[in-house]
PDB file of N, CA and C in Angstrom:
ATOM      1  N   MET A   1     -11.641   2.583  -7.557  1.00  0.00           N
ATOM      2  CA  MET A   1     -11.601   2.001  -8.879  1.00  0.00           C
ATOM      3  C   MET A   1     -12.517   2.797  -9.797  1.00  0.00           C
ATOM      4  N   ASN A   2     -12.023   3.103 -10.969  1.00  0.00           N
ATOM      5  CA  ASN A   2     -12.830   3.796 -11.969  1.00  0.00           C
ATOM      6  C   ASN A   2     -13.429   2.766 -12.908  1.00  0.00           C
ATOM      7  N   VAL A   3     -14.707   2.924 -13.184  1.00  0.00           N
ATOM      8  CA  VAL A   3     -15.429   1.974 -14.027  1.00  0.00           C
ATOM      9  C   VAL A   3     -16.054   2.733 -15.193  1.00  0.00           C
ATOM     10  N   ARG A   4     -15.900   2.176 -16.395  1.00  0.00           N
ATOM     11  CA  ARG A   4     -16.538   2.713 -17.589  1.00  0.00           C
ATOM     12  C   ARG A   4     -17.438   1.631 -18.163  1.00  0.00           C
ATOM     13  N   VAL A   5     -18.724   1.951 -18.305  1.00  0.00           N
ATOM     14  CA  VAL A   5     -19.708   1.001 -18.814  1.00  0.00           C
ATOM     15  C   VAL A   5     -20.239   1.528 -20.141  1.00  0.00           C
ATOM     16  N   TYR A   6     -20.286   0.656 -21.136  1.00  0.00           N
ATOM     17  CA  TYR A   6     -20.810   0.991 -22.459  1.00  0.00           C
ATOM     18  C   TYR A   6     -22.046   0.135 -22.712  1.00  0.00           C
ATOM     19  N   VAL A   7     -23.160   0.776 -23.015  1.00  0.00           N
ATOM     20  CA  VAL A   7     -24.426   0.076 -23.242  1.00  0.00           C
ATOM     21  C   VAL A   7     -24.898   0.415 -24.655  1.00  0.00           C
ATOM     22  N   THR A   8     -25.211  -0.622 -25.449  1.00  0.00           N
ATOM     23  CA  THR A   8     -25.693  -0.412 -26.817  1.00  0.00           C
ATOM     24  C   THR A   8     -26.864  -1.343 -27.090  1.00  0.00           C
ATOM     25  N   PRO A   9     -27.727  -0.976 -28.027  1.00  0.00           N
ATOM     26  CA  PRO A   9     -28.818  -1.882 -28.394  1.00  0.00           C
ATOM     27  C   PRO A   9     -28.247  -3.164 -29.014  1.00  0.00           C
ATOM     28  N   LYS A  10     -28.880  -4.277 -28.722  1.00  0.00           N
ATOM     29  CA  LYS A  10     -28.462  -5.541 -29.340  1.00  0.00           C
ATOM     30  C   LYS A  10     -28.683  -5.478 -30.840  1.00  0.00           C
ATOM     31  N   GLN A  11     -27.880  -6.252 -31.569  1.00  0.00           N
ATOM     32  CA  GLN A  11     -28.091  -6.356 -33.008  1.00  0.00           C
ATOM     33  C   GLN A  11     -29.508  -6.865 -33.249  1.00  0.00           C
ATOM     34  N   GLY A  12     -30.172  -6.293 -34.215  1.00  0.00           N
ATOM     35  CA  GLY A  12     -31.537  -6.697 -34.529  1.00  0.00           C
ATOM     36  C   GLY A  12     -32.598  -5.909 -33.779  1.00  0.00           C
ATOM     37  N   ILE A  13     -32.199  -5.136 -32.775  1.00  0.00           N
ATOM     38  CA  ILE A  13     -33.132  -4.286 -32.036  1.00  0.00           C
ATOM     39  C   ILE A  13     -33.174  -2.925 -32.733  1.00  0.00           C
ATOM     40  N   LEU A  14     -34.361  -2.414 -32.957  1.00  0.00           N
ATOM     41  CA  LEU A  14     -34.533  -1.123 -33.613  1.00  0.00           C
ATOM     42  C   LEU A  14     -33.785  -0.037 -32.847  1.00  0.00           C
ATOM     43  N   ASP A  15     -33.001   0.748 -33.571  1.00  0.00           N
ATOM     44  CA  ASP A  15     -32.240   1.852 -32.988  1.00  0.00           C
ATOM     45  C   ASP A  15     -32.558   3.114 -33.775  1.00  0.00           C
ATOM     46  N   PRO A  16     -33.670   3.794 -33.439  1.00  0.00           N
ATOM     47  CA  PRO A  16     -34.081   4.963 -34.216  1.00  0.00           C
ATOM     48  C   PRO A  16     -33.048   6.096 -34.211  1.00  0.00           C
ATOM     49  N   GLN A  17     -32.360   6.306 -33.100  1.00  0.00           N
ATOM     50  CA  GLN A  17     -31.335   7.353 -33.059  1.00  0.00           C
ATOM     51  C   GLN A  17     -30.194   7.015 -34.006  1.00  0.00           C
ATOM     52  N   GLY A  18     -29.756   5.775 -33.984  1.00  0.00           N
ATOM     53  CA  GLY A  18     -28.689   5.351 -34.879  1.00  0.00           C
ATOM     54  C   GLY A  18     -29.088   5.503 -36.332  1.00  0.00           C
ATOM     55  N   ALA A  19     -30.332   5.122 -36.659  1.00  0.00           N
ATOM     56  CA  ALA A  19     -30.816   5.243 -38.037  1.00  0.00           C
ATOM     57  C   ALA A  19     -30.865   6.703 -38.478  1.00  0.00           C
ATOM     58  N   THR A  20     -31.275   7.592 -37.604  1.00  0.00           N
ATOM     59  CA  THR A  20     -31.325   9.023 -37.927  1.00  0.00           C
ATOM     60  C   THR A  20     -29.926   9.566 -38.198  1.00  0.00           C
ATOM     61  N   VAL A  21     -28.973   9.212 -37.356  1.00  0.00           N
ATOM     62  CA  VAL A  21     -27.598   9.669 -37.553  1.00  0.00           C
ATOM     63  C   VAL A  21     -27.028   9.087 -38.845  1.00  0.00           C
ATOM     64  N   GLU A  22     -27.309   7.812 -39.103  1.00  0.00           N
ATOM     65  CA  GLU A  22     -26.819   7.172 -40.321  1.00  0.00           C
ATOM     66  C   GLU A  22     -27.346   7.859 -41.579  1.00  0.00           C
ATOM     67  N   ARG A  23     -28.597   8.294 -41.551  1.00  0.00           N
ATOM     68  CA  ARG A  23     -29.174   9.008 -42.693  1.00  0.00           C
ATOM     69  C   ARG A  23     -28.625  10.430 -42.812  1.00  0.00           C
ATOM     70  N   ALA A  24     -28.327  11.065 -41.683  1.00  0.00           N
ATOM     71  CA  ALA A  24     -27.896  12.460 -41.692  1.00  0.00           C
ATOM     72  C   ALA A  24     -26.432  12.636 -42.100  1.00  0.00           C
ATOM     73  N   LEU A  25     -25.582  11.693 -41.781  1.00  0.00           N
ATOM     74  CA  LEU A  25     -24.159  11.860 -42.058  1.00  0.00           C
ATOM     75  C   LEU A  25     -23.838  12.082 -43.545  1.00  0.00           C
ATOM     76  N   PRO A  26     -24.421  11.305 -44.465  1.00  0.00           N
ATOM     77  CA  PRO A  26     -24.133  11.579 -45.880  1.00  0.00           C
ATOM     78  C   PRO A  26     -24.580  12.973 -46.312  1.00  0.00           C
ATOM     79  N   ALA A  27     -25.664  13.477 -45.746  1.00  0.00           N
ATOM     80  CA  ALA A  27     -26.132  14.821 -46.080  1.00  0.00           C
ATOM     81  C   ALA A  27     -25.127  15.885 -45.635  1.00  0.00           C
ATOM     82  N   LEU A  28     -24.295  15.540 -44.665  1.00  0.00           N
ATOM     83  CA  LEU A  28     -23.267  16.466 -44.189  1.00  0.00           C
ATOM     84  C   LEU A  28     -21.917  16.223 -44.863  1.00  0.00           C
ATOM     85  N   GLY A  29     -21.909  15.314 -45.842  1.00  0.00           N
ATOM     86  CA  GLY A  29     -20.683  15.066 -46.585  1.00  0.00           C
ATOM     87  C   GLY A  29     -19.858  13.901 -46.101  1.00  0.00           C
ATOM     88  N   PHE A  30     -20.340  13.151 -45.131  1.00  0.00           N
ATOM     89  CA  PHE A  30     -19.612  11.993 -44.608  1.00  0.00           C
ATOM     90  C   PHE A  30     -20.129  10.737 -45.299  1.00  0.00           C
ATOM     91  N   GLN A  31     -19.356  10.207 -46.233  1.00  0.00           N
ATOM     92  CA  GLN A  31     -19.776   9.055 -47.019  1.00  0.00           C
ATOM     93  C   GLN A  31     -19.213   7.760 -46.426  1.00  0.00           C
ATOM     94  N   GLY A  32     -19.873   6.664 -46.724  1.00  0.00           N
ATOM     95  CA  GLY A  32     -19.371   5.347 -46.340  1.00  0.00           C
ATOM     96  C   GLY A  32     -19.640   4.948 -44.907  1.00  0.00           C
ATOM     97  N   VAL A  33     -20.515   5.642 -44.225  1.00  0.00           N
ATOM     98  CA  VAL A  33     -20.845   5.297 -42.835  1.00  0.00           C
ATOM     99  C   VAL A  33     -22.061   4.387 -42.843  1.00  0.00           C
ATOM    100  N   LYS A  34     -21.977   3.267 -42.101  1.00  0.00           N
ATOM    101  CA  LYS A  34     -23.128   2.371 -42.018  1.00  0.00           C
ATOM    102  C   LYS A  34     -23.153   1.701 -40.654  1.00  0.00           C
ATOM    103  N   ASP A  35     -24.259   1.111 -40.346  1.00  0.00           N
ATOM    104  CA  ASP A  35     -24.460   0.384 -39.083  1.00  0.00           C
ATOM    105  C   ASP A  35     -24.189   1.256 -37.856  1.00  0.00           C
ATOM    106  N   VAL A  36     -24.770   2.441 -37.815  1.00  0.00           N
ATOM    107  CA  VAL A  36     -24.607   3.343 -36.676  1.00  0.00           C
ATOM    108  C   VAL A  36     -25.481   2.846 -35.528  1.00  0.00           C
ATOM    109  N   ARG A  37     -24.890   2.724 -34.359  1.00  0.00           N
ATOM    110  CA  ARG A  37     -25.604   2.326 -33.152  1.00  0.00           C
ATOM    111  C   ARG A  37     -25.352   3.405 -32.101  1.00  0.00           C
ATOM    112  N   ILE A  38     -26.390   3.902 -31.490  1.00  0.00           N
ATOM    113  CA  ILE A  38     -26.262   4.912 -30.443  1.00  0.00           C
ATOM    114  C   ILE A  38     -26.492   4.220 -29.100  1.00  0.00           C
ATOM    115  N   GLY A  39     -25.607   4.481 -28.173  1.00  0.00           N
ATOM    116  CA  GLY A  39     -25.717   3.849 -26.860  1.00  0.00           C
ATOM    117  C   GLY A  39     -25.491   4.853 -25.746  1.00  0.00           C
ATOM    118  N   ARG A  40     -25.142   4.314 -24.594  1.00  0.00           N
ATOM    119  CA  ARG A  40     -24.870   5.148 -23.417  1.00  0.00           C
ATOM    120  C   ARG A  40     -23.480   4.833 -22.886  1.00  0.00           C
ATOM    121  N   PHE A  41     -22.869   5.838 -22.301  1.00  0.00           N
ATOM    122  CA  PHE A  41     -21.589   5.691 -21.625  1.00  0.00           C
ATOM    123  C   PHE A  41     -21.805   6.089 -20.176  1.00  0.00           C
ATOM    124  N   ILE A  42     -21.453   5.216 -19.262  1.00  0.00           N
ATOM    125  CA  ILE A  42     -21.645   5.470 -17.836  1.00  0.00           C
ATOM    126  C   ILE A  42     -20.286   5.350 -17.156  1.00  0.00           C
ATOM    127  N   GLU A  43     -19.934   6.374 -16.404  1.00  0.00           N
ATOM    128  CA  GLU A  43     -18.664   6.365 -15.688  1.00  0.00           C
ATOM    129  C   GLU A  43     -18.957   6.485 -14.202  1.00  0.00           C
ATOM    130  N   LEU A  44     -18.311   5.648 -13.409  1.00  0.00           N
ATOM    131  CA  LEU A  44     -18.531   5.707 -11.966  1.00  0.00           C
ATOM    132  C   LEU A  44     -17.262   5.321 -11.234  1.00  0.00           C
ATOM    133  N   THR A  45     -17.200   5.728  -9.978  1.00  0.00           N
ATOM    134  CA  THR A  45     -16.091   5.356  -9.108  1.00  0.00           C
ATOM    135  C   THR A  45     -16.607   4.347  -8.105  1.00  0.00           C
ATOM    136  N   LEU A  46     -15.880   3.272  -7.973  1.00  0.00           N
ATOM    137  CA  LEU A  46     -16.275   2.173  -7.105  1.00  0.00           C
ATOM    138  C   LEU A  46     -15.331   2.149  -5.915  1.00  0.00           C
ATOM    139  N   ASP A  47     -15.864   2.279  -4.717  1.00  0.00           N
ATOM    140  CA  ASP A  47     -15.064   2.267  -3.498  1.00  0.00           C
ATOM    141  C   ASP A  47     -15.192   0.885  -2.872  1.00  0.00           C
ATOM    142  N   MET A  48     -14.298  -0.013  -3.247  1.00  0.00           N
ATOM    143  CA  MET A  48     -14.335  -1.383  -2.738  1.00  0.00           C
ATOM    144  C   MET A  48     -13.624  -1.452  -1.386  1.00  0.00           C
ATOM    145  N   PRO A  49     -14.060  -2.349  -0.517  1.00  0.00           N
ATOM    146  CA  PRO A  49     -13.370  -2.519   0.764  1.00  0.00           C
ATOM    147  C   PRO A  49     -11.918  -2.945   0.534  1.00  0.00           C
ATOM    148  N   GLN A  50     -11.054  -2.549   1.445  1.00  0.00           N
ATOM    149  CA  GLN A  50      -9.648  -2.912   1.314  1.00  0.00           C
ATOM    150  C   GLN A  50      -9.515  -4.434   1.315  1.00  0.00           C
ATOM    151  N   GLY A  51      -8.707  -4.926   0.408  1.00  0.00           N
ATOM    152  CA  GLY A  51      -8.502  -6.363   0.303  1.00  0.00           C
ATOM    153  C   GLY A  51      -9.465  -7.064  -0.643  1.00  0.00           C
ATOM    154  N   ALA A  52     -10.416  -6.310  -1.205  1.00  0.00           N
ATOM    155  CA  ALA A  52     -11.358  -6.910  -2.154  1.00  0.00           C
ATOM    156  C   ALA A  52     -10.600  -7.310  -3.412  1.00  0.00           C
ATOM    157  N   THR A  53     -10.973  -8.418  -3.978  1.00  0.00           N
ATOM    158  CA  THR A  53     -10.293  -8.937  -5.159  1.00  0.00           C
ATOM    159  C   THR A  53     -10.831  -8.273  -6.434  1.00  0.00           C
ATOM    160  N   PRO A  54     -10.037  -8.279  -7.491  1.00  0.00           N
ATOM    161  CA  PRO A  54     -10.543  -7.785  -8.777  1.00  0.00           C
ATOM    162  C   PRO A  54     -11.767  -8.576  -9.239  1.00  0.00           C
ATOM    163  N   GLU A  55     -11.815  -9.838  -8.911  1.00  0.00           N
ATOM    164  CA  GLU A  55     -12.965 -10.670  -9.286  1.00  0.00           C
ATOM    165  C   GLU A  55     -14.238 -10.191  -8.589  1.00  0.00           C
ATOM    166  N   ALA A  56     -14.103  -9.734  -7.337  1.00  0.00           N
ATOM    167  CA  ALA A  56     -15.265  -9.223  -6.594  1.00  0.00           C
ATOM    168  C   ALA A  56     -15.778  -7.936  -7.246  1.00  0.00           C
ATOM    169  N   ALA A  57     -14.857  -7.068  -7.643  1.00  0.00           N
ATOM    170  CA  ALA A  57     -15.256  -5.829  -8.324  1.00  0.00           C
ATOM    171  C   ALA A  57     -15.933  -6.150  -9.648  1.00  0.00           C
ATOM    172  N   ASP A  58     -15.377  -7.098 -10.381  1.00  0.00           N
ATOM    173  CA  ASP A  58     -15.957  -7.503 -11.662  1.00  0.00           C
ATOM    174  C   ASP A  58     -17.374  -8.039 -11.463  1.00  0.00           C
ATOM    175  N   ALA A  59     -17.564  -8.877 -10.471  1.00  0.00           N
ATOM    176  CA  ALA A  59     -18.899  -9.438 -10.198  1.00  0.00           C
ATOM    177  C   ALA A  59     -19.879  -8.345  -9.800  1.00  0.00           C
ATOM    178  N   LEU A  60     -19.420  -7.370  -9.007  1.00  0.00           N
ATOM    179  CA  LEU A  60     -20.288  -6.282  -8.565  1.00  0.00           C
ATOM    180  C   LEU A  60     -20.732  -5.421  -9.751  1.00  0.00           C
ATOM    181  N   VAL A  61     -19.793  -5.064 -10.618  1.00  0.00           N
ATOM    182  CA  VAL A  61     -20.138  -4.236 -11.780  1.00  0.00           C
ATOM    183  C   VAL A  61     -21.057  -5.002 -12.723  1.00  0.00           C
ATOM    184  N   ASP A  62     -20.777  -6.270 -12.952  1.00  0.00           N
ATOM    185  CA  ASP A  62     -21.632  -7.071 -13.818  1.00  0.00           C
ATOM    186  C   ASP A  62     -23.061  -7.125 -13.261  1.00  0.00           C
ATOM    187  N   ASP A  63     -23.190  -7.275 -11.951  1.00  0.00           N
ATOM    188  CA  ASP A  63     -24.522  -7.295 -11.326  1.00  0.00           C
ATOM    189  C   ASP A  63     -25.222  -5.950 -11.481  1.00  0.00           C
ATOM    190  N   MET A  64     -24.477  -4.840 -11.326  1.00  0.00           N
ATOM    191  CA  MET A  64     -25.061  -3.504 -11.534  1.00  0.00           C
ATOM    192  C   MET A  64     -25.613  -3.374 -12.951  1.00  0.00           C
ATOM    193  N   CYS A  65     -24.829  -3.848 -13.912  1.00  0.00           N
ATOM    194  CA  CYS A  65     -25.257  -3.756 -15.313  1.00  0.00           C
ATOM    195  C   CYS A  65     -26.523  -4.566 -15.555  1.00  0.00           C
ATOM    196  N   LYS A  66     -26.551  -5.787 -15.056  1.00  0.00           N
ATOM    197  CA  LYS A  66     -27.706  -6.661 -15.269  1.00  0.00           C
ATOM    198  C   LYS A  66     -28.967  -6.141 -14.588  1.00  0.00           C
ATOM    199  N   ARG A  67     -28.812  -5.527 -13.414  1.00  0.00           N
ATOM    200  CA  ARG A  67     -29.971  -5.140 -12.622  1.00  0.00           C
ATOM    201  C   ARG A  67     -30.451  -3.710 -12.842  1.00  0.00           C
ATOM    202  N   LEU A  68     -29.549  -2.808 -13.326  1.00  0.00           N
ATOM    203  CA  LEU A  68     -29.970  -1.417 -13.430  1.00  0.00           C
ATOM    204  C   LEU A  68     -29.423  -0.678 -14.649  1.00  0.00           C
ATOM    205  N   LEU A  69     -28.137  -0.784 -14.905  1.00  0.00           N
ATOM    206  CA  LEU A  69     -27.514   0.060 -15.910  1.00  0.00           C
ATOM    207  C   LEU A  69     -27.878  -0.308 -17.338  1.00  0.00           C
ATOM    208  N   ALA A  70     -28.233  -1.566 -17.574  1.00  0.00           N
ATOM    209  CA  ALA A  70     -28.613  -2.013 -18.922  1.00  0.00           C
ATOM    210  C   ALA A  70     -29.842  -2.901 -18.817  1.00  0.00           C
ATOM    211  N   ASN A  71     -30.545  -3.005 -19.918  1.00  0.00           N
ATOM    212  CA  ASN A  71     -31.660  -3.947 -20.009  1.00  0.00           C
ATOM    213  C   ASN A  71     -31.148  -5.131 -20.834  1.00  0.00           C
ATOM    214  N   PRO A  72     -30.728  -6.223 -20.183  1.00  0.00           N
ATOM    215  CA  PRO A  72     -30.103  -7.330 -20.895  1.00  0.00           C
ATOM    216  C   PRO A  72     -30.983  -7.983 -21.965  1.00  0.00           C
ATOM    217  N   ILE A  73     -32.268  -7.702 -21.954  1.00  0.00           N
ATOM    218  CA  ILE A  73     -33.152  -8.279 -22.960  1.00  0.00           C
ATOM    219  C   ILE A  73     -32.926  -7.598 -24.309  1.00  0.00           C
ATOM    220  N   ILE A  74     -32.718  -6.280 -24.305  1.00  0.00           N
ATOM    221  CA  ILE A  74     -32.587  -5.550 -25.568  1.00  0.00           C
ATOM    222  C   ILE A  74     -31.253  -4.825 -25.720  1.00  0.00           C
ATOM    223  N   GLU A  75     -30.383  -4.878 -24.696  1.00  0.00           N
ATOM    224  CA  GLU A  75     -29.117  -4.154 -24.762  1.00  0.00           C
ATOM    225  C   GLU A  75     -27.939  -5.071 -24.422  1.00  0.00           C
ATOM    226  N   ASP A  76     -26.819  -4.774 -25.061  1.00  0.00           N
ATOM    227  CA  ASP A  76     -25.547  -5.392 -24.710  1.00  0.00           C
ATOM    228  C   ASP A  76     -24.764  -4.398 -23.873  1.00  0.00           C
ATOM    229  N   TYR A  77     -23.866  -4.896 -23.054  1.00  0.00           N
ATOM    230  CA  TYR A  77     -23.013  -4.000 -22.280  1.00  0.00           C
ATOM    231  C   TYR A  77     -21.615  -4.593 -22.165  1.00  0.00           C
ATOM    232  N   THR A  78     -20.660  -3.694 -22.083  1.00  0.00           N
ATOM    233  CA  THR A  78     -19.298  -4.052 -21.760  1.00  0.00           C
ATOM    234  C   THR A  78     -18.823  -3.039 -20.735  1.00  0.00           C
ATOM    235  N   TYR A  79     -17.778  -3.390 -20.027  1.00  0.00           N
ATOM    236  CA  TYR A  79     -17.246  -2.459 -19.042  1.00  0.00           C
ATOM    237  C   TYR A  79     -15.760  -2.691 -18.868  1.00  0.00           C
ATOM    238  N   ALA A  80     -15.116  -1.653 -18.366  1.00  0.00           N
ATOM    239  CA  ALA A  80     -13.690  -1.718 -18.060  1.00  0.00           C
ATOM    240  C   ALA A  80     -13.504  -1.160 -16.661  1.00  0.00           C
ATOM    241  N   ILE A  81     -12.674  -1.841 -15.885  1.00  0.00           N
ATOM    242  CA  ILE A  81     -12.390  -1.419 -14.511  1.00  0.00           C
ATOM    243  C   ILE A  81     -10.907  -1.069 -14.431  1.00  0.00           C
ATOM    244  N   ASP A  82     -10.621   0.171 -14.032  1.00  0.00           N
ATOM    245  CA  ASP A  82      -9.240   0.602 -13.805  1.00  0.00           C
ATOM    246  C   ASP A  82      -9.003   0.601 -12.304  1.00  0.00           C
ATOM    247  N   GLU A  83      -8.064  -0.197 -11.859  1.00  0.00           N
ATOM    248  CA  GLU A  83      -7.822  -0.327 -10.427  1.00  0.00           C
ATOM    249  C   GLU A  83      -7.028   0.842  -9.861  1.00  0.00           C
ATOM    250  N   GLY A  84      -6.445   1.686 -10.726  1.00  0.00           N
ATOM    251  CA  GLY A  84      -5.605   2.783 -10.253  1.00  0.00           C
ATOM    252  C   GLY A  84      -6.344   3.909  -9.779  1.00  0.00           C
TER     253      GLY A  84
END
């Protein structure tokens, strides 16, 4: 199973990288850009035991995100699991 995890700062959490990009884009001629948030993209392959349910994979990835891949106090995360 291929897993894609997206981690971004929660709304209201200072995002200095996002603020820098937001300020720089108009200087490069890109107008109308606002609310830039910089995050992380994590891609991994999950080798689940044969017969494992999609719910088990979902629970495993969610636990990975909560315990290591994201800091749930200051970051939001979403993920997508492709079973193919």
